[in-house]
Every structure is written in C-alpha cells, then in structure tokens.
PDB file of all heavy atoms in Angstrom:
ATOM      1  N   ASP A   1      98.932  71.989 119.195  1.00  0.00           N
ATOM      2  CA  ASP A   1      99.932  72.280 118.173  1.00  0.00           C
ATOM      3  C   ASP A   1      99.516  73.575 117.492  1.00  0.00           C
ATOM      4  O   ASP A   1      98.343  73.738 117.140  1.00  0.00           O
ATOM      5  CB  ASP A   1      99.997  71.137 117.156  1.00  0.00           C
ATOM      6  CG  ASP A   1     101.149  71.296 116.180  1.00  0.00           C
ATOM      7  OD1 ASP A   1     102.158  71.945 116.537  1.00  0.00           O
ATOM      8  OD2 ASP A   1     101.042  70.774 115.055  1.00  0.00           O
ATOM      9  N   ILE A   2     100.439  74.502 117.326  1.00  0.00           N
ATOM     10  CA  ILE A   2     100.150  75.780 116.668  1.00  0.00           C
ATOM     11  C   ILE A   2     100.489  75.643 115.196  1.00  0.00           C
ATOM     12  O   ILE A   2     101.604  75.256 114.841  1.00  0.00           O
ATOM     13  CB  ILE A   2     100.933  76.932 117.323  1.00  0.00           C
ATOM     14  CG1 ILE A   2     100.496  77.087 118.779  1.00  0.00           C
ATOM     15  CG2 ILE A   2     100.732  78.223 116.540  1.00  0.00           C
ATOM     16  CD1 ILE A   2     101.291  78.105 119.570  1.00  0.00           C
ATOM     17  N   LEU A   3      99.507  75.955 114.342  1.00  0.00           N
ATOM     18  CA  LEU A   3      99.696  75.866 112.898  1.00  0.00           C
ATOM     19  C   LEU A   3     100.349  77.148 112.395  1.00  0.00           C
ATOM     20  O   LEU A   3     100.184  78.217 112.982  1.00  0.00           O
ATOM     21  CB  LEU A   3      98.356  75.649 112.205  1.00  0.00           C
ATOM     22  CG  LEU A   3      97.560  74.432 112.695  1.00  0.00           C
ATOM     23  CD1 LEU A   3      96.212  74.356 111.992  1.00  0.00           C
ATOM     24  CD2 LEU A   3      98.345  73.152 112.460  1.00  0.00           C
ATOM     25  N   ASN A   4     101.054  77.054 111.290  1.00  0.00           N
ATOM     26  CA  ASN A   4     101.699  78.233 110.704  1.00  0.00           C
ATOM     27  C   ASN A   4     100.655  79.248 110.258  1.00  0.00           C
ATOM     28  O   ASN A   4      99.609  78.882 109.719  1.00  0.00           O
ATOM     29  CB  ASN A   4     102.562  77.841 109.501  1.00  0.00           C
ATOM     30  CG  ASN A   4     103.837  77.152 109.924  1.00  0.00           C
ATOM     31  OD1 ASN A   4     104.319  77.344 111.037  1.00  0.00           O
ATOM     32  ND2 ASN A   4     104.366  76.317 109.049  1.00  0.00           N
ATOM     33  N   ASP A   5     100.951  80.519 110.472  1.00  0.00           N
ATOM     34  CA  ASP A   5     100.064  81.609 110.045  1.00  0.00           C
ATOM     35  C   ASP A   5     100.420  81.974 108.608  1.00  0.00           C
ATOM     36  O   ASP A   5     101.547  82.367 108.325  1.00  0.00           O
ATOM     37  CB  ASP A   5     100.243  82.814 110.977  1.00  0.00           C
ATOM     38  CG  ASP A   5      99.321  83.967 110.618  1.00  0.00           C
ATOM     39  OD1 ASP A   5      98.390  83.768 109.804  1.00  0.00           O
ATOM     40  OD2 ASP A   5      99.538  85.076 111.135  1.00  0.00           O
ATOM     41  N   ASP A   6      99.455  81.833 107.723  1.00  0.00           N
ATOM     42  CA  ASP A   6      99.683  82.141 106.310  1.00  0.00           C
ATOM     43  C   ASP A   6      99.148  83.516 105.933  1.00  0.00           C
ATOM     44  O   ASP A   6      98.755  83.751 104.793  1.00  0.00           O
ATOM     45  CB  ASP A   6      99.015  81.072 105.425  1.00  0.00           C
ATOM     46  CG  ASP A   6      99.604  79.696 105.669  1.00  0.00           C
ATOM     47  OD1 ASP A   6     100.790  79.616 105.997  1.00  0.00           O
ATOM     48  OD2 ASP A   6      98.857  78.706 105.527  1.00  0.00           O
ATOM     49  N   SER A   7      99.137  84.454 106.903  1.00  0.00           N
ATOM     50  CA  SER A   7      98.625  85.803 106.620  1.00  0.00           C
ATOM     51  C   SER A   7      99.479  86.470 105.556  1.00  0.00           C
ATOM     52  O   SER A   7     100.714  86.424 105.623  1.00  0.00           O
ATOM     53  CB  SER A   7      98.652  86.678 107.875  1.00  0.00           C
ATOM     54  OG  SER A   7      97.879  86.092 108.886  1.00  0.00           O
ATOM     55  N   PRO A   8      98.827  87.133 104.575  1.00  0.00           N
ATOM     56  CA  PRO A   8      99.597  87.785 103.508  1.00  0.00           C
ATOM     57  C   PRO A   8     100.456  88.944 104.019  1.00  0.00           C
ATOM     58  O   PRO A   8     101.522  89.213 103.478  1.00  0.00           O
ATOM     59  CB  PRO A   8      98.518  88.271 102.539  1.00  0.00           C
ATOM     60  CG  PRO A   8      97.228  88.229 103.280  1.00  0.00           C
ATOM     61  CD  PRO A   8      97.388  87.243 104.388  1.00  0.00           C
ATOM     62  N   ASP A   9     100.026  89.631 105.097  1.00  0.00           N
ATOM     63  CA  ASP A   9     100.806  90.786 105.575  1.00  0.00           C
ATOM     64  C   ASP A   9     101.966  90.364 106.476  1.00  0.00           C
ATOM     65  O   ASP A   9     102.832  91.184 106.793  1.00  0.00           O
ATOM     66  CB  ASP A   9      99.905  91.807 106.270  1.00  0.00           C
ATOM     67  CG  ASP A   9      99.250  91.276 107.541  1.00  0.00           C
ATOM     68  OD1 ASP A   9      99.673  90.212 108.033  1.00  0.00           O
ATOM     69  OD2 ASP A   9      98.315  91.923 108.027  1.00  0.00           O
ATOM     70  N   GLY A  10     101.984  89.097 106.909  1.00  0.00           N
ATOM     71  CA  GLY A  10     103.083  88.610 107.735  1.00  0.00           C
ATOM     72  C   GLY A  10     103.207  89.328 109.066  1.00  0.00           C
ATOM     73  O   GLY A  10     104.265  89.341 109.675  1.00  0.00           O
ATOM     74  N   GLY A  11     102.129  89.927 109.563  1.00  0.00           N
ATOM     75  CA  GLY A  11     102.166  90.629 110.851  1.00  0.00           C
ATOM     76  C   GLY A  11     102.845  91.985 110.771  1.00  0.00           C
ATOM     77  O   GLY A  11     103.257  92.532 111.785  1.00  0.00           O
ATOM     78  N   VAL A  12     102.955  92.558 109.567  1.00  0.00           N
ATOM     79  CA  VAL A  12     103.601  93.856 109.371  1.00  0.00           C
ATOM     80  C   VAL A  12     102.549  94.852 108.899  1.00  0.00           C
ATOM     81  O   VAL A  12     101.709  94.536 108.059  1.00  0.00           O
ATOM     82  CB  VAL A  12     104.732  93.744 108.326  1.00  0.00           C
ATOM     83  CG1 VAL A  12     105.366  95.095 108.056  1.00  0.00           C
ATOM     84  CG2 VAL A  12     105.776  92.741 108.789  1.00  0.00           C
ATOM     85  N   ALA A  13     102.597  96.068 109.454  1.00  0.00           N
ATOM     86  CA  ALA A  13     101.662  97.123 109.034  1.00  0.00           C
ATOM     87  C   ALA A  13     102.350  98.475 109.185  1.00  0.00           C
ATOM     88  O   ALA A  13     103.213  98.645 110.057  1.00  0.00           O
ATOM     89  CB  ALA A  13     100.406  97.096 109.897  1.00  0.00           C
ATOM     90  N   PRO A  14     101.986  99.436 108.346  1.00  0.00           N
ATOM     91  CA  PRO A  14     102.538 100.783 108.529  1.00  0.00           C
ATOM     92  C   PRO A  14     101.925 101.426 109.776  1.00  0.00           C
ATOM     93  O   PRO A  14     100.863 101.022 110.237  1.00  0.00           O
ATOM     94  CB  PRO A  14     102.104 101.517 107.258  1.00  0.00           C
ATOM     95  CG  PRO A  14     100.882 100.784 106.800  1.00  0.00           C
ATOM     96  CD  PRO A  14     101.067  99.359 107.224  1.00  0.00           C
ATOM     97  N   GLU A  15     102.603 102.421 110.324  1.00  0.00           N
ATOM     98  CA  GLU A  15     102.073 103.140 111.484  1.00  0.00           C
ATOM     99  C   GLU A  15     100.695 103.681 111.134  1.00  0.00           C
ATOM    100  O   GLU A  15     100.466 104.147 110.024  1.00  0.00           O
ATOM    101  CB  GLU A  15     103.020 104.259 111.905  1.00  0.00           C
ATOM    102  CG  GLU A  15     102.678 104.790 113.291  1.00  0.00           C
ATOM    103  CD  GLU A  15     103.834 105.527 113.934  1.00  0.00           C
ATOM    104  OE1 GLU A  15     104.729 105.998 113.213  1.00  0.00           O
ATOM    105  OE2 GLU A  15     103.827 105.611 115.158  1.00  0.00           O
ATOM    106  N   ASN A  16      99.775 103.590 112.091  1.00  0.00           N
ATOM    107  CA  ASN A  16      98.358 103.960 111.966  1.00  0.00           C
ATOM    108  C   ASN A  16      97.572 102.972 111.101  1.00  0.00           C
ATOM    109  O   ASN A  16      96.382 103.161 110.880  1.00  0.00           O
ATOM    110  CB  ASN A  16      98.167 105.388 111.440  1.00  0.00           C
ATOM    111  CG  ASN A  16      98.628 106.397 112.463  1.00  0.00           C
ATOM    112  OD1 ASN A  16      98.328 106.246 113.659  1.00  0.00           O
ATOM    113  ND2 ASN A  16      99.395 107.388 112.031  1.00  0.00           N
ATOM    114  N   GLY A  17      98.207 101.930 110.621  1.00  0.00           N
ATOM    115  CA  GLY A  17      97.512 100.894 109.858  1.00  0.00           C
ATOM    116  C   GLY A  17      96.970  99.823 110.807  1.00  0.00           C
ATOM    117  O   GLY A  17      96.991  99.964 112.031  1.00  0.00           O
ATOM    118  N   SER A  18      96.486  98.756 110.224  1.00  0.00           N
ATOM    119  CA  SER A  18      95.939  97.642 111.010  1.00  0.00           C
ATOM    120  C   SER A  18      96.711  96.369 110.697  1.00  0.00           C
ATOM    121  O   SER A  18      97.199  96.191 109.589  1.00  0.00           O
ATOM    122  CB  SER A  18      94.464  97.421 110.664  1.00  0.00           C
ATOM    123  OG  SER A  18      93.706  98.534 111.046  1.00  0.00           O
ATOM    124  N   VAL A  19      96.780  95.528 111.695  1.00  0.00           N
ATOM    125  CA  VAL A  19      97.413  94.222 111.503  1.00  0.00           C
ATOM    126  C   VAL A  19      96.531  93.166 112.174  1.00  0.00           C
ATOM    127  O   VAL A  19      95.986  93.392 113.244  1.00  0.00           O
ATOM    128  CB  VAL A  19      98.863  94.205 112.042  1.00  0.00           C
ATOM    129  CG1 VAL A  19      98.910  94.340 113.541  1.00  0.00           C
ATOM    130  CG2 VAL A  19      99.599  92.952 111.604  1.00  0.00           C
ATOM    131  N   ARG A  20      96.382  92.046 111.477  1.00  0.00           N
ATOM    132  CA  ARG A  20      95.582  90.928 111.988  1.00  0.00           C
ATOM    133  C   ARG A  20      96.552  89.774 112.271  1.00  0.00           C
ATOM    134  O   ARG A  20      97.212  89.279 111.363  1.00  0.00           O
ATOM    135  CB  ARG A  20      94.553  90.516 110.946  1.00  0.00           C
ATOM    136  CG  ARG A  20      93.626  89.395 111.375  1.00  0.00           C
ATOM    137  CD  ARG A  20      92.638  89.024 110.278  1.00  0.00           C
ATOM    138  NE  ARG A  20      91.929  90.159 109.745  1.00  0.00           N
ATOM    139  CZ  ARG A  20      90.760  90.629 110.196  1.00  0.00           C
ATOM    140  NH1 ARG A  20      90.185  90.023 111.209  1.00  0.00           N
ATOM    141  NH2 ARG A  20      90.194  91.673 109.651  1.00  0.00           N
ATOM    142  N   LEU A  21      96.639  89.395 113.549  1.00  0.00           N
ATOM    143  CA  LEU A  21      97.486  88.278 113.958  1.00  0.00           C
ATOM    144  C   LEU A  21      96.595  87.068 114.213  1.00  0.00           C
ATOM    145  O   LEU A  21      95.605  87.172 114.930  1.00  0.00           O
ATOM    146  CB  LEU A  21      98.268  88.628 115.220  1.00  0.00           C
ATOM    147  CG  LEU A  21      99.143  89.887 115.140  1.00  0.00           C
ATOM    148  CD1 LEU A  21      99.774  90.166 116.499  1.00  0.00           C
ATOM    149  CD2 LEU A  21     100.224  89.709 114.080  1.00  0.00           C
ATOM    150  N   ARG A  22      96.957  85.933 113.599  1.00  0.00           N
ATOM    151  CA  ARG A  22      96.160  84.713 113.770  1.00  0.00           C
ATOM    152  C   ARG A  22      97.013  83.632 114.411  1.00  0.00           C
ATOM    153  O   ARG A  22      98.157  83.439 114.042  1.00  0.00           O
ATOM    154  CB  ARG A  22      95.656  84.200 112.418  1.00  0.00           C
ATOM    155  CG  ARG A  22      94.495  85.010 111.909  1.00  0.00           C
ATOM    156  CD  ARG A  22      93.671  84.260 110.899  1.00  0.00           C
ATOM    157  NE  ARG A  22      93.056  83.104 111.526  1.00  0.00           N
ATOM    158  CZ  ARG A  22      92.691  82.025 110.863  1.00  0.00           C
ATOM    159  NH1 ARG A  22      92.871  81.951 109.574  1.00  0.00           N
ATOM    160  NH2 ARG A  22      92.135  81.012 111.469  1.00  0.00           N
ATOM    161  N   CYS A  23      96.406  82.939 115.345  1.00  0.00           N
ATOM    162  CA  CYS A  23      97.045  81.792 115.973  1.00  0.00           C
ATOM    163  C   CYS A  23      96.041  80.658 115.942  1.00  0.00           C
ATOM    164  O   CYS A  23      95.118  80.611 116.749  1.00  0.00           O
ATOM    165  CB  CYS A  23      97.455  82.107 117.413  1.00  0.00           C
ATOM    166  SG  CYS A  23      98.235  80.716 118.245  1.00  0.00           S
ATOM    167  N   LYS A  24      96.209  79.759 115.000  1.00  0.00           N
ATOM    168  CA  LYS A  24      95.322  78.614 114.848  1.00  0.00           C
ATOM    169  C   LYS A  24      95.996  77.436 115.530  1.00  0.00           C
ATOM    170  O   LYS A  24      97.132  77.095 115.218  1.00  0.00           O
ATOM    171  CB  LYS A  24      95.078  78.334 113.362  1.00  0.00           C
ATOM    172  CG  LYS A  24      94.198  77.156 113.089  1.00  0.00           C
ATOM    173  CD  LYS A  24      92.754  77.482 113.370  1.00  0.00           C
ATOM    174  CE  LYS A  24      91.880  76.283 113.011  1.00  0.00           C
ATOM    175  NZ  LYS A  24      90.764  76.126 113.903  1.00  0.00           N
ATOM    176  N   ALA A  25      95.292  76.838 116.487  1.00  0.00           N
ATOM    177  CA  ALA A  25      95.847  75.715 117.227  1.00  0.00           C
ATOM    178  C   ALA A  25      94.918  74.507 117.116  1.00  0.00           C
ATOM    179  O   ALA A  25      93.709  74.652 117.046  1.00  0.00           O
ATOM    180  CB  ALA A  25      96.047  76.096 118.694  1.00  0.00           C
TER     181      ALA A  25
END
C-alpha cells in the first residue's frame, strides 16, 4: 500500500531547483 506523500513542496520546484519525491509503502 502506498502512503500519501506529505512533502511540503508537493513535488514542485523552480527550474534549476531541487525536488524530493517520496514514496512510502
């Protein structure tokens, strides 16, 4: 079961920025 990602950035980043995607199962 995949749990909801509660990342504050919501998978959005400006160009040349960084994004952290989490998938907790």
